[in-house]
PDB file of N, CA and C in Angstrom:
ATOM      1  N   MET A   1      -4.374 142.006 177.672  1.00  0.00           N
ATOM      2  CA  MET A   1      -4.159 142.558 178.982  1.00  0.00           C
ATOM      3  C   MET A   1      -2.841 143.332 178.990  1.00  0.00           C
ATOM      4  N   ARG A   2      -2.871 144.537 179.498  1.00  0.00           N
ATOM      5  CA  ARG A   2      -1.689 145.397 179.544  1.00  0.00           C
ATOM      6  C   ARG A   2      -0.763 144.964 180.671  1.00  0.00           C
ATOM      7  N   SER A   3       0.527 144.957 180.382  1.00  0.00           N
ATOM      8  CA  SER A   3       1.545 144.587 181.373  1.00  0.00           C
ATOM      9  C   SER A   3       1.754 145.728 182.360  1.00  0.00           C
ATOM     10  N   THR A   4       2.143 145.387 183.567  1.00  0.00           N
ATOM     11  CA  THR A   4       2.486 146.401 184.563  1.00  0.00           C
ATOM     12  C   THR A   4       3.913 146.877 184.309  1.00  0.00           C
ATOM     13  N   PRO A   5       4.280 148.059 184.820  1.00  0.00           N
ATOM     14  CA  PRO A   5       5.667 148.517 184.669  1.00  0.00           C
ATOM     15  C   PRO A   5       6.667 147.524 185.266  1.00  0.00           C
ATOM     16  N   GLU A   6       6.297 146.858 186.329  1.00  0.00           N
ATOM     17  CA  GLU A   6       7.186 145.866 186.944  1.00  0.00           C
ATOM     18  C   GLU A   6       7.413 144.685 186.010  1.00  0.00           C
ATOM     19  N   GLU A   7       6.347 144.217 185.338  1.00  0.00           N
ATOM     20  CA  GLU A   7       6.474 143.113 184.388  1.00  0.00           C
ATOM     21  C   GLU A   7       7.320 143.524 183.180  1.00  0.00           C
ATOM     22  N   GLN A   8       7.120 144.759 182.712  1.00  0.00           N
ATOM     23  CA  GLN A   8       7.903 145.251 181.583  1.00  0.00           C
ATOM     24  C   GLN A   8       9.380 145.339 181.959  1.00  0.00           C
ATOM     25  N   MET A   9       9.667 145.797 183.160  1.00  0.00           N
ATOM     26  CA  MET A   9      11.051 145.897 183.642  1.00  0.00           C
ATOM     27  C   MET A   9      11.678 144.510 183.727  1.00  0.00           C
ATOM     28  N   GLU A  10      10.929 143.538 184.213  1.00  0.00           N
ATOM     29  CA  GLU A  10      11.435 142.166 184.358  1.00  0.00           C
ATOM     30  C   GLU A  10      11.764 141.567 182.993  1.00  0.00           C
ATOM     31  N   ARG A  11      10.914 141.794 181.990  1.00  0.00           N
ATOM     32  CA  ARG A  11      11.118 141.208 180.654  1.00  0.00           C
ATOM     33  C   ARG A  11      12.228 141.882 179.861  1.00  0.00           C
ATOM     34  N   ALA A  12      12.477 143.157 180.114  1.00  0.00           N
ATOM     35  CA  ALA A  12      13.457 143.906 179.329  1.00  0.00           C
ATOM     36  C   ALA A  12      14.885 143.545 179.727  1.00  0.00           C
ATOM     37  N   ASP A  13      15.765 143.526 178.736  1.00  0.00           N
ATOM     38  CA  ASP A  13      17.195 143.341 178.996  1.00  0.00           C
ATOM     39  C   ASP A  13      17.844 144.658 179.401  1.00  0.00           C
ATOM     40  N   VAL A  14      17.339 145.757 178.823  1.00  0.00           N
ATOM     41  CA  VAL A  14      17.892 147.084 179.073  1.00  0.00           C
ATOM     42  C   VAL A  14      16.738 148.061 179.261  1.00  0.00           C
ATOM     43  N   VAL A  15      16.841 148.900 180.301  1.00  0.00           N
ATOM     44  CA  VAL A  15      15.861 149.954 180.540  1.00  0.00           C
ATOM     45  C   VAL A  15      16.638 151.221 180.883  1.00  0.00           C
ATOM     46  N   PHE A  16      16.305 152.309 180.189  1.00  0.00           N
ATOM     47  CA  PHE A  16      16.994 153.573 180.451  1.00  0.00           C
ATOM     48  C   PHE A  16      16.091 154.749 180.095  1.00  0.00           C
ATOM     49  N   THR A  17      16.456 155.905 180.593  1.00  0.00           N
ATOM     50  CA  THR A  17      15.830 157.155 180.198  1.00  0.00           C
ATOM     51  C   THR A  17      16.852 157.906 179.364  1.00  0.00           C
ATOM     52  N   GLY A  18      16.415 158.407 178.202  1.00  0.00           N
ATOM     53  CA  GLY A  18      17.351 159.110 177.344  1.00  0.00           C
ATOM     54  C   GLY A  18      16.668 159.983 176.320  1.00  0.00           C
ATOM     55  N   ARG A  19      17.492 160.740 175.621  1.00  0.00           N
ATOM     56  CA  ARG A  19      17.020 161.673 174.603  1.00  0.00           C
ATOM     57  C   ARG A  19      17.523 161.216 173.236  1.00  0.00           C
ATOM     58  N   VAL A  20      16.641 161.241 172.225  1.00  0.00           N
ATOM     59  CA  VAL A  20      16.992 160.833 170.860  1.00  0.00           C
ATOM     60  C   VAL A  20      17.944 161.859 170.257  1.00  0.00           C
ATOM     61  N   ILE A  21      19.108 161.364 169.765  1.00  0.00           N
ATOM     62  CA  ILE A  21      20.091 162.278 169.167  1.00  0.00           C
ATOM     63  C   ILE A  21      20.429 161.944 167.711  1.00  0.00           C
ATOM     64  N   ASP A  22      19.998 160.766 167.206  1.00  0.00           N
ATOM     65  CA  ASP A  22      20.304 160.416 165.817  1.00  0.00           C
ATOM     66  C   ASP A  22      19.348 159.334 165.338  1.00  0.00           C
ATOM     67  N   GLN A  23      19.199 159.245 164.008  1.00  0.00           N
ATOM     68  CA  GLN A  23      18.304 158.258 163.384  1.00  0.00           C
ATOM     69  C   GLN A  23      18.904 157.826 162.056  1.00  0.00           C
ATOM     70  N   LYS A  24      18.878 156.501 161.783  1.00  0.00           N
ATOM     71  CA  LYS A  24      19.351 155.957 160.505  1.00  0.00           C
ATOM     72  C   LYS A  24      18.420 154.828 160.081  1.00  0.00           C
ATOM     73  N   MET A  25      18.118 154.762 158.780  1.00  0.00           N
ATOM     74  CA  MET A  25      17.312 153.665 158.234  1.00  0.00           C
ATOM     75  C   MET A  25      18.212 152.512 157.839  1.00  0.00           C
ATOM     76  N   GLN A  26      17.680 151.291 157.980  1.00  0.00           N
ATOM     77  CA  GLN A  26      18.416 150.099 157.614  1.00  0.00           C
ATOM     78  C   GLN A  26      17.408 149.064 157.123  1.00  0.00           C
ATOM     79  N   THR A  27      17.785 148.285 156.119  1.00  0.00           N
ATOM     80  CA  THR A  27      16.945 147.184 155.662  1.00  0.00           C
ATOM     81  C   THR A  27      17.660 145.882 155.973  1.00  0.00           C
ATOM     82  N   VAL A  28      16.974 144.991 156.650  1.00  0.00           N
ATOM     83  CA  VAL A  28      17.522 143.690 157.011  1.00  0.00           C
ATOM     84  C   VAL A  28      16.881 142.654 156.101  1.00  0.00           C
ATOM     85  N   ALA A  29      17.687 141.929 155.344  1.00  0.00           N
ATOM     86  CA  ALA A  29      17.156 140.911 154.440  1.00  0.00           C
ATOM     87  C   ALA A  29      16.527 139.790 155.250  1.00  0.00           C
ATOM     88  N   THR A  30      15.238 139.558 155.010  1.00  0.00           N
ATOM     89  CA  THR A  30      14.531 138.494 155.726  1.00  0.00           C
ATOM     90  C   THR A  30      14.078 137.377 154.802  1.00  0.00           C
ATOM     91  N   ASN A  31      14.054 137.654 153.483  1.00  0.00           N
ATOM     92  CA  ASN A  31      13.688 136.638 152.503  1.00  0.00           C
ATOM     93  C   ASN A  31      14.147 137.119 151.130  1.00  0.00           C
ATOM     94  N   PRO A  32      14.069 136.302 150.103  1.00  0.00           N
ATOM     95  CA  PRO A  32      14.560 136.703 148.774  1.00  0.00           C
ATOM     96  C   PRO A  32      13.796 137.872 148.155  1.00  0.00           C
ATOM     97  N   PHE A  33      12.607 138.176 148.652  1.00  0.00           N
ATOM     98  CA  PHE A  33      11.761 139.201 148.052  1.00  0.00           C
ATOM     99  C   PHE A  33      11.850 140.554 148.742  1.00  0.00           C
ATOM    100  N   GLY A  34      12.608 140.655 149.794  1.00  0.00           N
ATOM    101  CA  GLY A  34      12.694 141.940 150.468  1.00  0.00           C
ATOM    102  C   GLY A  34      13.197 141.792 151.881  1.00  0.00           C
ATOM    103  N   GLY A  35      12.969 142.814 152.655  1.00  0.00           N
ATOM    104  CA  GLY A  35      13.466 142.780 154.016  1.00  0.00           C
ATOM    105  C   GLY A  35      12.643 143.650 154.938  1.00  0.00           C
ATOM    106  N   LEU A  36      12.984 143.577 156.170  1.00  0.00           N
ATOM    107  CA  LEU A  36      12.348 144.370 157.203  1.00  0.00           C
ATOM    108  C   LEU A  36      13.070 145.701 157.287  1.00  0.00           C
ATOM    109  N   LYS A  37      12.332 146.787 157.204  1.00  0.00           N
ATOM    110  CA  LYS A  37      12.934 148.107 157.338  1.00  0.00           C
ATOM    111  C   LYS A  37      12.980 148.461 158.818  1.00  0.00           C
ATOM    112  N   LEU A  38      14.186 148.724 159.291  1.00  0.00           N
ATOM    113  CA  LEU A  38      14.393 149.100 160.685  1.00  0.00           C
ATOM    114  C   LEU A  38      14.949 150.508 160.749  1.00  0.00           C
ATOM    115  N   VAL A  39      14.642 151.175 161.837  1.00  0.00           N
ATOM    116  CA  VAL A  39      15.242 152.471 162.112  1.00  0.00           C
ATOM    117  C   VAL A  39      16.163 152.279 163.308  1.00  0.00           C
ATOM    118  N   GLN A  40      17.372 152.766 163.182  1.00  0.00           N
ATOM    119  CA  GLN A  40      18.318 152.737 164.295  1.00  0.00           C
ATOM    120  C   GLN A  40      18.273 154.110 164.957  1.00  0.00           C
ATOM    121  N   TRP A  41      17.861 154.123 166.211  1.00  0.00           N
ATOM    122  CA  TRP A  41      17.729 155.355 166.983  1.00  0.00           C
ATOM    123  C   TRP A  41      18.859 155.402 168.005  1.00  0.00           C
ATOM    124  N   THR A  42      19.624 156.488 168.011  1.00  0.00           N
ATOM    125  CA  THR A  42      20.688 156.646 168.997  1.00  0.00           C
ATOM    126  C   THR A  42      20.196 157.583 170.092  1.00  0.00           C
ATOM    127  N   PHE A  43      20.420 157.168 171.326  1.00  0.00           N
ATOM    128  CA  PHE A  43      19.990 157.922 172.507  1.00  0.00           C
ATOM    129  C   PHE A  43      21.191 158.347 173.335  1.00  0.00           C
ATOM    130  N   GLU A  44      21.110 159.534 173.883  1.00  0.00           N
ATOM    131  CA  GLU A  44      22.019 159.980 174.929  1.00  0.00           C
ATOM    132  C   GLU A  44      21.374 159.512 176.230  1.00  0.00           C
ATOM    133  N   VAL A  45      22.026 158.598 176.936  1.00  0.00           N
ATOM    134  CA  VAL A  45      21.445 157.997 178.138  1.00  0.00           C
ATOM    135  C   VAL A  45      21.567 158.979 179.306  1.00  0.00           C
ATOM    136  N   GLU A  46      20.428 159.287 179.921  1.00  0.00           N
ATOM    137  CA  GLU A  46      20.385 160.171 181.090  1.00  0.00           C
ATOM    138  C   GLU A  46      20.385 159.376 182.388  1.00  0.00           C
ATOM    139  N   ALA A  47      19.701 158.239 182.382  1.00  0.00           N
ATOM    140  CA  ALA A  47      19.610 157.411 183.586  1.00  0.00           C
ATOM    141  C   ALA A  47      19.524 155.946 183.184  1.00  0.00           C
ATOM    142  N   ASP A  48      20.345 155.112 183.805  1.00  0.00           N
ATOM    143  CA  ASP A  48      20.356 153.664 183.566  1.00  0.00           C
ATOM    144  C   ASP A  48      19.505 153.000 184.642  1.00  0.00           C
ATOM    145  N   HIS A  49      18.437 152.327 184.217  1.00  0.00           N
ATOM    146  CA  HIS A  49      17.570 151.630 185.156  1.00  0.00           C
ATOM    147  C   HIS A  49      17.848 150.131 185.179  1.00  0.00           C
ATOM    148  N   LYS A  50      18.426 149.624 184.071  1.00  0.00           N
ATOM    149  CA  LYS A  50      18.748 148.194 183.999  1.00  0.00           C
ATOM    150  C   LYS A  50      19.624 147.942 182.770  1.00  0.00           C
ATOM    151  N   GLY A  51      20.849 147.551 182.968  1.00  0.00           N
ATOM    152  CA  GLY A  51      21.707 147.041 181.909  1.00  0.00           C
ATOM    153  C   GLY A  51      22.246 148.012 180.876  1.00  0.00           C
ATOM    154  N   ALA A  52      22.046 149.309 181.040  1.00  0.00           N
ATOM    155  CA  ALA A  52      22.528 150.288 180.052  1.00  0.00           C
ATOM    156  C   ALA A  52      23.823 150.909 180.549  1.00  0.00           C
ATOM    157  N   ALA A  53      24.931 150.266 180.273  1.00  0.00           N
ATOM    158  CA  ALA A  53      26.220 150.685 180.831  1.00  0.00           C
ATOM    159  C   ALA A  53      26.903 151.785 180.028  1.00  0.00           C
ATOM    160  N   SER A  54      26.327 152.206 178.911  1.00  0.00           N
ATOM    161  CA  SER A  54      26.958 153.180 178.035  1.00  0.00           C
ATOM    162  C   SER A  54      26.259 154.535 178.131  1.00  0.00           C
ATOM    163  N   LYS A  55      26.970 155.598 177.766  1.00  0.00           N
ATOM    164  CA  LYS A  55      26.377 156.940 177.764  1.00  0.00           C
ATOM    165  C   LYS A  55      25.538 157.181 176.523  1.00  0.00           C
ATOM    166  N   GLN A  56      25.766 156.370 175.477  1.00  0.00           N
ATOM    167  CA  GLN A  56      24.949 156.405 174.267  1.00  0.00           C
ATOM    168  C   GLN A  56      24.582 154.976 173.903  1.00  0.00           C
ATOM    169  N   LEU A  57      23.336 154.788 173.506  1.00  0.00           N
ATOM    170  CA  LEU A  57      22.864 153.474 173.069  1.00  0.00           C
ATOM    171  C   LEU A  57      22.093 153.617 171.769  1.00  0.00           C
ATOM    172  N   THR A  58      22.237 152.623 170.895  1.00  0.00           N
ATOM    173  CA  THR A  58      21.457 152.578 169.667  1.00  0.00           C
ATOM    174  C   THR A  58      20.438 151.462 169.792  1.00  0.00           C
ATOM    175  N   ILE A  59      19.195 151.818 169.513  1.00  0.00           N
ATOM    176  CA  ILE A  59      18.056 150.904 169.599  1.00  0.00           C
ATOM    177  C   ILE A  59      17.456 150.765 168.215  1.00  0.00           C
ATOM    178  N   GLU A  60      17.117 149.552 167.807  1.00  0.00           N
ATOM    179  CA  GLU A  60      16.424 149.340 166.542  1.00  0.00           C
ATOM    180  C   GLU A  60      14.940 149.159 166.813  1.00  0.00           C
ATOM    181  N   SER A  61      14.142 149.658 165.875  1.00  0.00           N
ATOM    182  CA  SER A  61      12.702 149.455 165.922  1.00  0.00           C
ATOM    183  C   SER A  61      12.204 149.396 164.487  1.00  0.00           C
ATOM    184  N   ALA A  62      11.135 148.649 164.251  1.00  0.00           N
ATOM    185  CA  ALA A  62      10.569 148.578 162.903  1.00  0.00           C
ATOM    186  C   ALA A  62      10.194 149.982 162.447  1.00  0.00           C
ATOM    187  N   SER A  63      10.183 150.191 161.141  1.00  0.00           N
ATOM    188  CA  SER A  63       9.958 151.533 160.601  1.00  0.00           C
ATOM    189  C   SER A  63       8.492 151.957 160.613  1.00  0.00           C
ATOM    190  N   ASN A  64       7.568 151.043 160.925  1.00  0.00           N
ATOM    191  CA  ASN A  64       6.160 151.431 160.967  1.00  0.00           C
ATOM    192  C   ASN A  64       5.435 150.748 162.116  1.00  0.00           C
ATOM    193  N   SER A  65       4.343 151.350 162.533  1.00  0.00           N
ATOM    194  CA  SER A  65       3.600 150.835 163.683  1.00  0.00           C
ATOM    195  C   SER A  65       2.881 149.525 163.381  1.00  0.00           C
ATOM    196  N   ALA A  66       2.600 149.230 162.105  1.00  0.00           N
ATOM    197  CA  ALA A  66       1.962 147.958 161.758  1.00  0.00           C
ATOM    198  C   ALA A  66       2.869 146.780 162.112  1.00  0.00           C
ATOM    199  N   ALA A  67       4.186 147.028 162.152  1.00  0.00           N
ATOM    200  CA  ALA A  67       5.155 146.007 162.559  1.00  0.00           C
ATOM    201  C   ALA A  67       5.612 146.256 164.001  1.00  0.00           C
ATOM    202  N   CYS A  68       4.800 146.999 164.756  1.00  0.00           N
ATOM    203  CA  CYS A  68       5.063 147.342 166.163  1.00  0.00           C
ATOM    204  C   CYS A  68       6.266 148.254 166.340  1.00  0.00           C
ATOM    205  N   GLY A  69       6.620 149.009 165.296  1.00  0.00           N
ATOM    206  CA  GLY A  69       7.727 149.953 165.393  1.00  0.00           C
ATOM    207  C   GLY A  69       7.340 151.214 166.139  1.00  0.00           C
ATOM    208  N   ILE A  70       8.327 151.821 166.775  1.00  0.00           N
ATOM    209  CA  ILE A  70       8.118 153.067 167.506  1.00  0.00           C
ATOM    210  C   ILE A  70       8.706 154.205 166.683  1.00  0.00           C
ATOM    211  N   ASN A  71       7.919 155.242 166.465  1.00  0.00           N
ATOM    212  CA  ASN A  71       8.395 156.419 165.754  1.00  0.00           C
ATOM    213  C   ASN A  71       8.843 157.455 166.784  1.00  0.00           C
ATOM    214  N   PHE A  72      10.093 157.334 167.225  1.00  0.00           N
ATOM    215  CA  PHE A  72      10.648 158.285 168.175  1.00  0.00           C
ATOM    216  C   PHE A  72      10.800 159.645 167.495  1.00  0.00           C
ATOM    217  N   LEU A  73      10.808 160.701 168.270  1.00  0.00           N
ATOM    218  CA  LEU A  73      10.989 162.047 167.745  1.00  0.00           C
ATOM    219  C   LEU A  73      12.352 162.580 168.168  1.00  0.00           C
ATOM    220  N   MET A  74      13.083 163.146 167.214  1.00  0.00           N
ATOM    221  CA  MET A  74      14.406 163.697 167.488  1.00  0.00           C
ATOM    222  C   MET A  74      14.334 164.725 168.609  1.00  0.00           C
ATOM    223  N   GLY A  75      15.269 164.626 169.549  1.00  0.00           N
ATOM    224  CA  GLY A  75      15.368 165.588 170.635  1.00  0.00           C
ATOM    225  C   GLY A  75      14.448 165.319 171.810  1.00  0.00           C
ATOM    226  N   GLU A  76      13.520 164.389 171.664  1.00  0.00           N
ATOM    227  CA  GLU A  76      12.558 164.102 172.739  1.00  0.00           C
ATOM    228  C   GLU A  76      13.116 163.068 173.711  1.00  0.00           C
ATOM    229  N   ARG A  77      12.562 163.054 174.931  1.00  0.00           N
ATOM    230  CA  ARG A  77      12.984 162.128 175.986  1.00  0.00           C
ATOM    231  C   ARG A  77      12.022 160.936 176.048  1.00  0.00           C
ATOM    232  N   TYR A  78      12.611 159.764 176.339  1.00  0.00           N
ATOM    233  CA  TYR A  78      11.833 158.536 176.447  1.00  0.00           C
ATOM    234  C   TYR A  78      12.390 157.674 177.575  1.00  0.00           C
ATOM    235  N   GLN A  79      11.521 156.868 178.140  1.00  0.00           N
ATOM    236  CA  GLN A  79      11.970 155.763 178.974  1.00  0.00           C
ATOM    237  C   GLN A  79      11.866 154.546 178.057  1.00  0.00           C
ATOM    238  N   VAL A  80      12.996 153.917 177.768  1.00  0.00           N
ATOM    239  CA  VAL A  80      13.068 152.858 176.765  1.00  0.00           C
ATOM    240  C   VAL A  80      13.241 151.504 177.445  1.00  0.00           C
ATOM    241  N   PHE A  81      12.407 150.548 177.038  1.00  0.00           N
ATOM    242  CA  PHE A  81      12.501 149.153 177.459  1.00  0.00           C
ATOM    243  C   PHE A  81      12.911 148.375 176.216  1.00  0.00           C
ATOM    244  N   ALA A  82      14.090 147.776 176.218  1.00  0.00           N
ATOM    245  CA  ALA A  82      14.608 147.104 175.022  1.00  0.00           C
ATOM    246  C   ALA A  82      15.070 145.691 175.353  1.00  0.00           C
ATOM    247  N   ASN A  83      15.068 144.856 174.315  1.00  0.00           N
ATOM    248  CA  ASN A  83      15.543 143.482 174.438  1.00  0.00           C
ATOM    249  C   ASN A  83      16.660 143.242 173.443  1.00  0.00           C
ATOM    250  N   GLN A  84      17.601 142.412 173.843  1.00  0.00           N
ATOM    251  CA  GLN A  84      18.732 142.070 172.981  1.00  0.00           C
ATOM    252  C   GLN A  84      18.295 141.017 171.970  1.00  0.00           C
ATOM    253  N   SER A  85      18.449 141.329 170.679  1.00  0.00           N
ATOM    254  CA  SER A  85      18.252 140.327 169.633  1.00  0.00           C
ATOM    255  C   SER A  85      19.625 139.731 169.345  1.00  0.00           C
ATOM    256  N   LYS A  86      19.721 138.954 168.279  1.00  0.00           N
ATOM    257  CA  LYS A  86      21.025 138.378 167.924  1.00  0.00           C
ATOM    258  C   LYS A  86      22.036 139.455 167.564  1.00  0.00           C
ATOM    259  N   THR A  87      21.555 140.592 167.032  1.00  0.00           N
ATOM    260  CA  THR A  87      22.471 141.606 166.513  1.00  0.00           C
ATOM    261  C   THR A  87      22.348 142.985 167.131  1.00  0.00           C
ATOM    262  N   ALA A  88      21.273 143.274 167.849  1.00  0.00           N
ATOM    263  CA  ALA A  88      21.059 144.646 168.326  1.00  0.00           C
ATOM    264  C   ALA A  88      20.059 144.687 169.473  1.00  0.00           C
ATOM    265  N   LEU A  89      19.992 145.837 170.126  1.00  0.00           N
ATOM    266  CA  LEU A  89      18.923 146.089 171.087  1.00  0.00           C
ATOM    267  C   LEU A  89      17.704 146.535 170.300  1.00  0.00           C
ATOM    268  N   ARG A  90      16.539 145.980 170.630  1.00  0.00           N
ATOM    269  CA  ARG A  90      15.312 146.324 169.911  1.00  0.00           C
ATOM    270  C   ARG A  90      14.208 146.707 170.876  1.00  0.00           C
ATOM    271  N   ALA A  91      13.426 147.692 170.465  1.00  0.00           N
ATOM    272  CA  ALA A  91      12.252 148.130 171.220  1.00  0.00           C
ATOM    273  C   ALA A  91      11.049 148.090 170.288  1.00  0.00           C
ATOM    274  N   SER A  92       9.880 147.810 170.849  1.00  0.00           N
ATOM    275  CA  SER A  92       8.653 147.769 170.055  1.00  0.00           C
ATOM    276  C   SER A  92       7.536 148.476 170.825  1.00  0.00           C
ATOM    277  N   LEU A  93       6.409 148.632 170.154  1.00  0.00           N
ATOM    278  CA  LEU A  93       5.256 149.245 170.814  1.00  0.00           C
ATOM    279  C   LEU A  93       4.838 148.469 172.060  1.00  0.00           C
ATOM    280  N   CYS A  94       5.117 147.184 172.087  1.00  0.00           N
ATOM    281  CA  CYS A  94       4.693 146.333 173.196  1.00  0.00           C
ATOM    282  C   CYS A  94       5.708 146.248 174.339  1.00  0.00           C
ATOM    283  N   SER A  95       6.861 146.880 174.180  1.00  0.00           N
ATOM    284  CA  SER A  95       7.928 146.696 175.168  1.00  0.00           C
ATOM    285  C   SER A  95       7.752 147.523 176.437  1.00  0.00           C
ATOM    286  N   GLY A  96       6.901 148.545 176.388  1.00  0.00           N
ATOM    287  CA  GLY A  96       6.714 149.401 177.550  1.00  0.00           C
ATOM    288  C   GLY A  96       7.341 150.768 177.402  1.00  0.00           C
ATOM    289  N   THR A  97       8.015 151.021 176.289  1.00  0.00           N
ATOM    290  CA  THR A  97       8.664 152.310 176.047  1.00  0.00           C
ATOM    291  C   THR A  97       7.619 153.418 176.071  1.00  0.00           C
ATOM    292  N   ARG A  98       7.983 154.542 176.691  1.00  0.00           N
ATOM    293  CA  ARG A  98       7.048 155.652 176.807  1.00  0.00           C
ATOM    294  C   ARG A  98       7.761 156.984 176.625  1.00  0.00           C
ATOM    295  N   ALA A  99       7.040 157.946 176.058  1.00  0.00           N
ATOM    296  CA  ALA A  99       7.559 159.305 175.901  1.00  0.00           C
ATOM    297  C   ALA A  99       7.469 160.023 177.244  1.00  0.00           C
ATOM    298  N   LEU A 100       8.431 160.901 177.497  1.00  0.00           N
ATOM    299  CA  LEU A 100       8.452 161.699 178.720  1.00  0.00           C
ATOM    300  C   LEU A 100       8.606 163.166 178.363  1.00  0.00           C
ATOM    301  N   THR A 101       7.999 164.037 179.150  1.00  0.00           N
ATOM    302  CA  THR A 101       8.318 165.447 179.019  1.00  0.00           C
ATOM    303  C   THR A 101       9.504 165.715 179.929  1.00  0.00           C
ATOM    304  N   ASP A 102      10.128 166.853 179.792  1.00  0.00           N
ATOM    305  CA  ASP A 102      11.300 167.152 180.614  1.00  0.00           C
ATOM    306  C   ASP A 102      11.008 167.109 182.101  1.00  0.00           C
ATOM    307  N   LYS A 103       9.768 167.388 182.498  1.00  0.00           N
ATOM    308  CA  LYS A 103       9.435 167.419 183.919  1.00  0.00           C
ATOM    309  C   LYS A 103       8.890 166.089 184.432  1.00  0.00           C
ATOM    310  N   GLN A 104       8.567 165.173 183.530  1.00  0.00           N
ATOM    311  CA  GLN A 104       7.997 163.897 183.952  1.00  0.00           C
ATOM    312  C   GLN A 104       9.060 162.953 184.465  1.00  0.00           C
ATOM    313  N   GLN A 105       8.680 162.184 185.432  1.00  0.00           N
ATOM    314  CA  GLN A 105       9.540 161.133 185.956  1.00  0.00           C
ATOM    315  C   GLN A 105       9.184 159.829 185.250  1.00  0.00           C
ATOM    316  N   GLU A 106      10.095 158.879 185.284  1.00  0.00           N
ATOM    317  CA  GLU A 106       9.859 157.577 184.696  1.00  0.00           C
ATOM    318  C   GLU A 106       8.626 156.938 185.336  1.00  0.00           C
ATOM    319  N   GLN A 107       7.935 156.115 184.596  1.00  0.00           N
ATOM    320  CA  GLN A 107       6.742 155.377 185.009  1.00  0.00           C
ATOM    321  C   GLN A 107       5.523 156.268 185.181  1.00  0.00           C
ATOM    322  N   SER A 108       5.593 157.560 184.823  1.00  0.00           N
ATOM    323  CA  SER A 108       4.471 158.454 185.080  1.00  0.00           C
ATOM    324  C   SER A 108       3.521 158.599 183.901  1.00  0.00           C
ATOM    325  N   GLN A 109       3.850 158.024 182.769  1.00  0.00           N
ATOM    326  CA  GLN A 109       3.002 158.139 181.596  1.00  0.00           C
ATOM    327  C   GLN A 109       2.770 156.762 181.008  1.00  0.00           C
ATOM    328  N   ALA A 110       1.599 156.561 180.447  1.00  0.00           N
ATOM    329  CA  ALA A 110       1.268 155.267 179.863  1.00  0.00           C
ATOM    330  C   ALA A 110       2.203 154.950 178.704  1.00  0.00           C
ATOM    331  N   PRO A 111       2.555 153.677 178.523  1.00  0.00           N
ATOM    332  CA  PRO A 111       3.403 153.289 177.396  1.00  0.00           C
ATOM    333  C   PRO A 111       2.649 153.400 176.087  1.00  0.00           C
ATOM    334  N   PHE A 112       3.398 153.348 174.978  1.00  0.00           N
ATOM    335  CA  PHE A 112       2.763 153.286 173.672  1.00  0.00           C
ATOM    336  C   PHE A 112       1.851 152.069 173.647  1.00  0.00           C
ATOM    337  N   SER A 113       0.743 152.166 172.935  1.00  0.00           N
ATOM    338  CA  SER A 113      -0.144 151.007 172.863  1.00  0.00           C
ATOM    339  C   SER A 113       0.310 150.082 171.747  1.00  0.00           C
ATOM    340  N   CYS A 114       0.142 148.802 171.957  1.00  0.00           N
ATOM    341  CA  CYS A 114       0.560 147.784 171.008  1.00  0.00           C
ATOM    342  C   CYS A 114      -0.536 147.581 169.973  1.00  0.00           C
ATOM    343  N   ALA A 115      -0.222 147.826 168.706  1.00  0.00           N
ATOM    344  CA  ALA A 115      -1.190 147.678 167.632  1.00  0.00           C
ATOM    345  C   ALA A 115      -1.119 146.303 166.995  1.00  0.00           C
ATOM    346  N   GLY A 116      -0.187 145.473 167.426  1.00  0.00           N
ATOM    347  CA  GLY A 116       0.041 144.199 166.773  1.00  0.00           C
ATOM    348  C   GLY A 116      -0.929 143.100 167.135  1.00  0.00           C
ATOM    349  N   GLY A 117      -1.841 143.358 168.052  1.00  0.00           N
ATOM    350  CA  GLY A 117      -2.838 142.371 168.396  1.00  0.00           C
ATOM    351  C   GLY A 117      -2.388 141.371 169.435  1.00  0.00           C
ATOM    352  N   HIS A 118      -1.112 141.375 169.817  1.00  0.00           N
ATOM    353  CA  HIS A 118      -0.667 140.420 170.812  1.00  0.00           C
ATOM    354  C   HIS A 118      -0.892 140.970 172.205  1.00  0.00           C
ATOM    355  N   GLY A 119      -0.801 142.278 172.404  1.00  0.00           N
ATOM    356  CA  GLY A 119      -1.275 142.937 173.595  1.00  0.00           C
ATOM    357  C   GLY A 119      -0.682 142.548 174.932  1.00  0.00           C
ATOM    358  N   ASN A 120       0.071 141.484 175.031  1.00  0.00           N
ATOM    359  CA  ASN A 120       0.587 141.106 176.338  1.00  0.00           C
ATOM    360  C   ASN A 120       1.943 141.710 176.608  1.00  0.00           C
ATOM    361  N   GLY A 121       2.498 142.426 175.641  1.00  0.00           N
ATOM    362  CA  GLY A 121       3.778 143.092 175.840  1.00  0.00           C
ATOM    363  C   GLY A 121       4.970 142.136 175.836  1.00  0.00           C
ATOM    364  N   SER A 122       4.776 140.916 175.389  1.00  0.00           N
ATOM    365  CA  SER A 122       5.877 139.954 175.371  1.00  0.00           C
ATOM    366  C   SER A 122       6.936 140.381 174.384  1.00  0.00           C
ATOM    367  N   PRO A 123       8.210 140.205 174.723  1.00  0.00           N
ATOM    368  CA  PRO A 123       9.252 140.554 173.770  1.00  0.00           C
ATOM    369  C   PRO A 123       9.226 139.642 172.566  1.00  0.00           C
ATOM    370  N   ASP A 124       9.695 140.161 171.434  1.00  0.00           N
ATOM    371  CA  ASP A 124       9.748 139.397 170.201  1.00  0.00           C
ATOM    372  C   ASP A 124      10.823 138.328 170.313  1.00  0.00           C
ATOM    373  N   THR A 125      10.420 137.087 170.215  1.00  0.00           N
ATOM    374  CA  THR A 125      11.371 135.993 170.361  1.00  0.00           C
ATOM    375  C   THR A 125      11.816 135.448 169.014  1.00  0.00           C
ATOM    376  N   THR A 126      11.427 136.108 167.930  1.00  0.00           N
ATOM    377  CA  THR A 126      11.806 135.629 166.602  1.00  0.00           C
ATOM    378  C   THR A 126      13.098 136.236 166.117  1.00  0.00           C
ATOM    379  N   ASN A 127      13.743 137.058 166.914  1.00  0.00           N
ATOM    380  CA  ASN A 127      14.947 137.760 166.476  1.00  0.00           C
ATOM    381  C   ASN A 127      16.073 136.809 166.223  1.00  0.00           C
TER     382      ASN A 127
END
């Protein structure tokens, strides 16, 4: 069942509208055999909807959609729903994050669909 925008807002620690301005790859060691590849996306914050007190924020997301990662596009605008992990703000396909065109207002476009099979949009509590 898909979450409503209100439910996504309630679950998120930080919600903002912003434009992608930078991207960096990072590998986080999760076991002796390898790690989770994360992408750190830096956004220029245009509007703070909840908890985004900075003009720039960096969000981590898995590097592929099979791990519920979001492939943001440089220079594009998004409404981002993120949760605080132990070390960073993280967004996933299930968080409610959505792409926006320059003329679109927040909440006007469907969020990315969750490919992870959990479908309820719950934040990752394993961080």
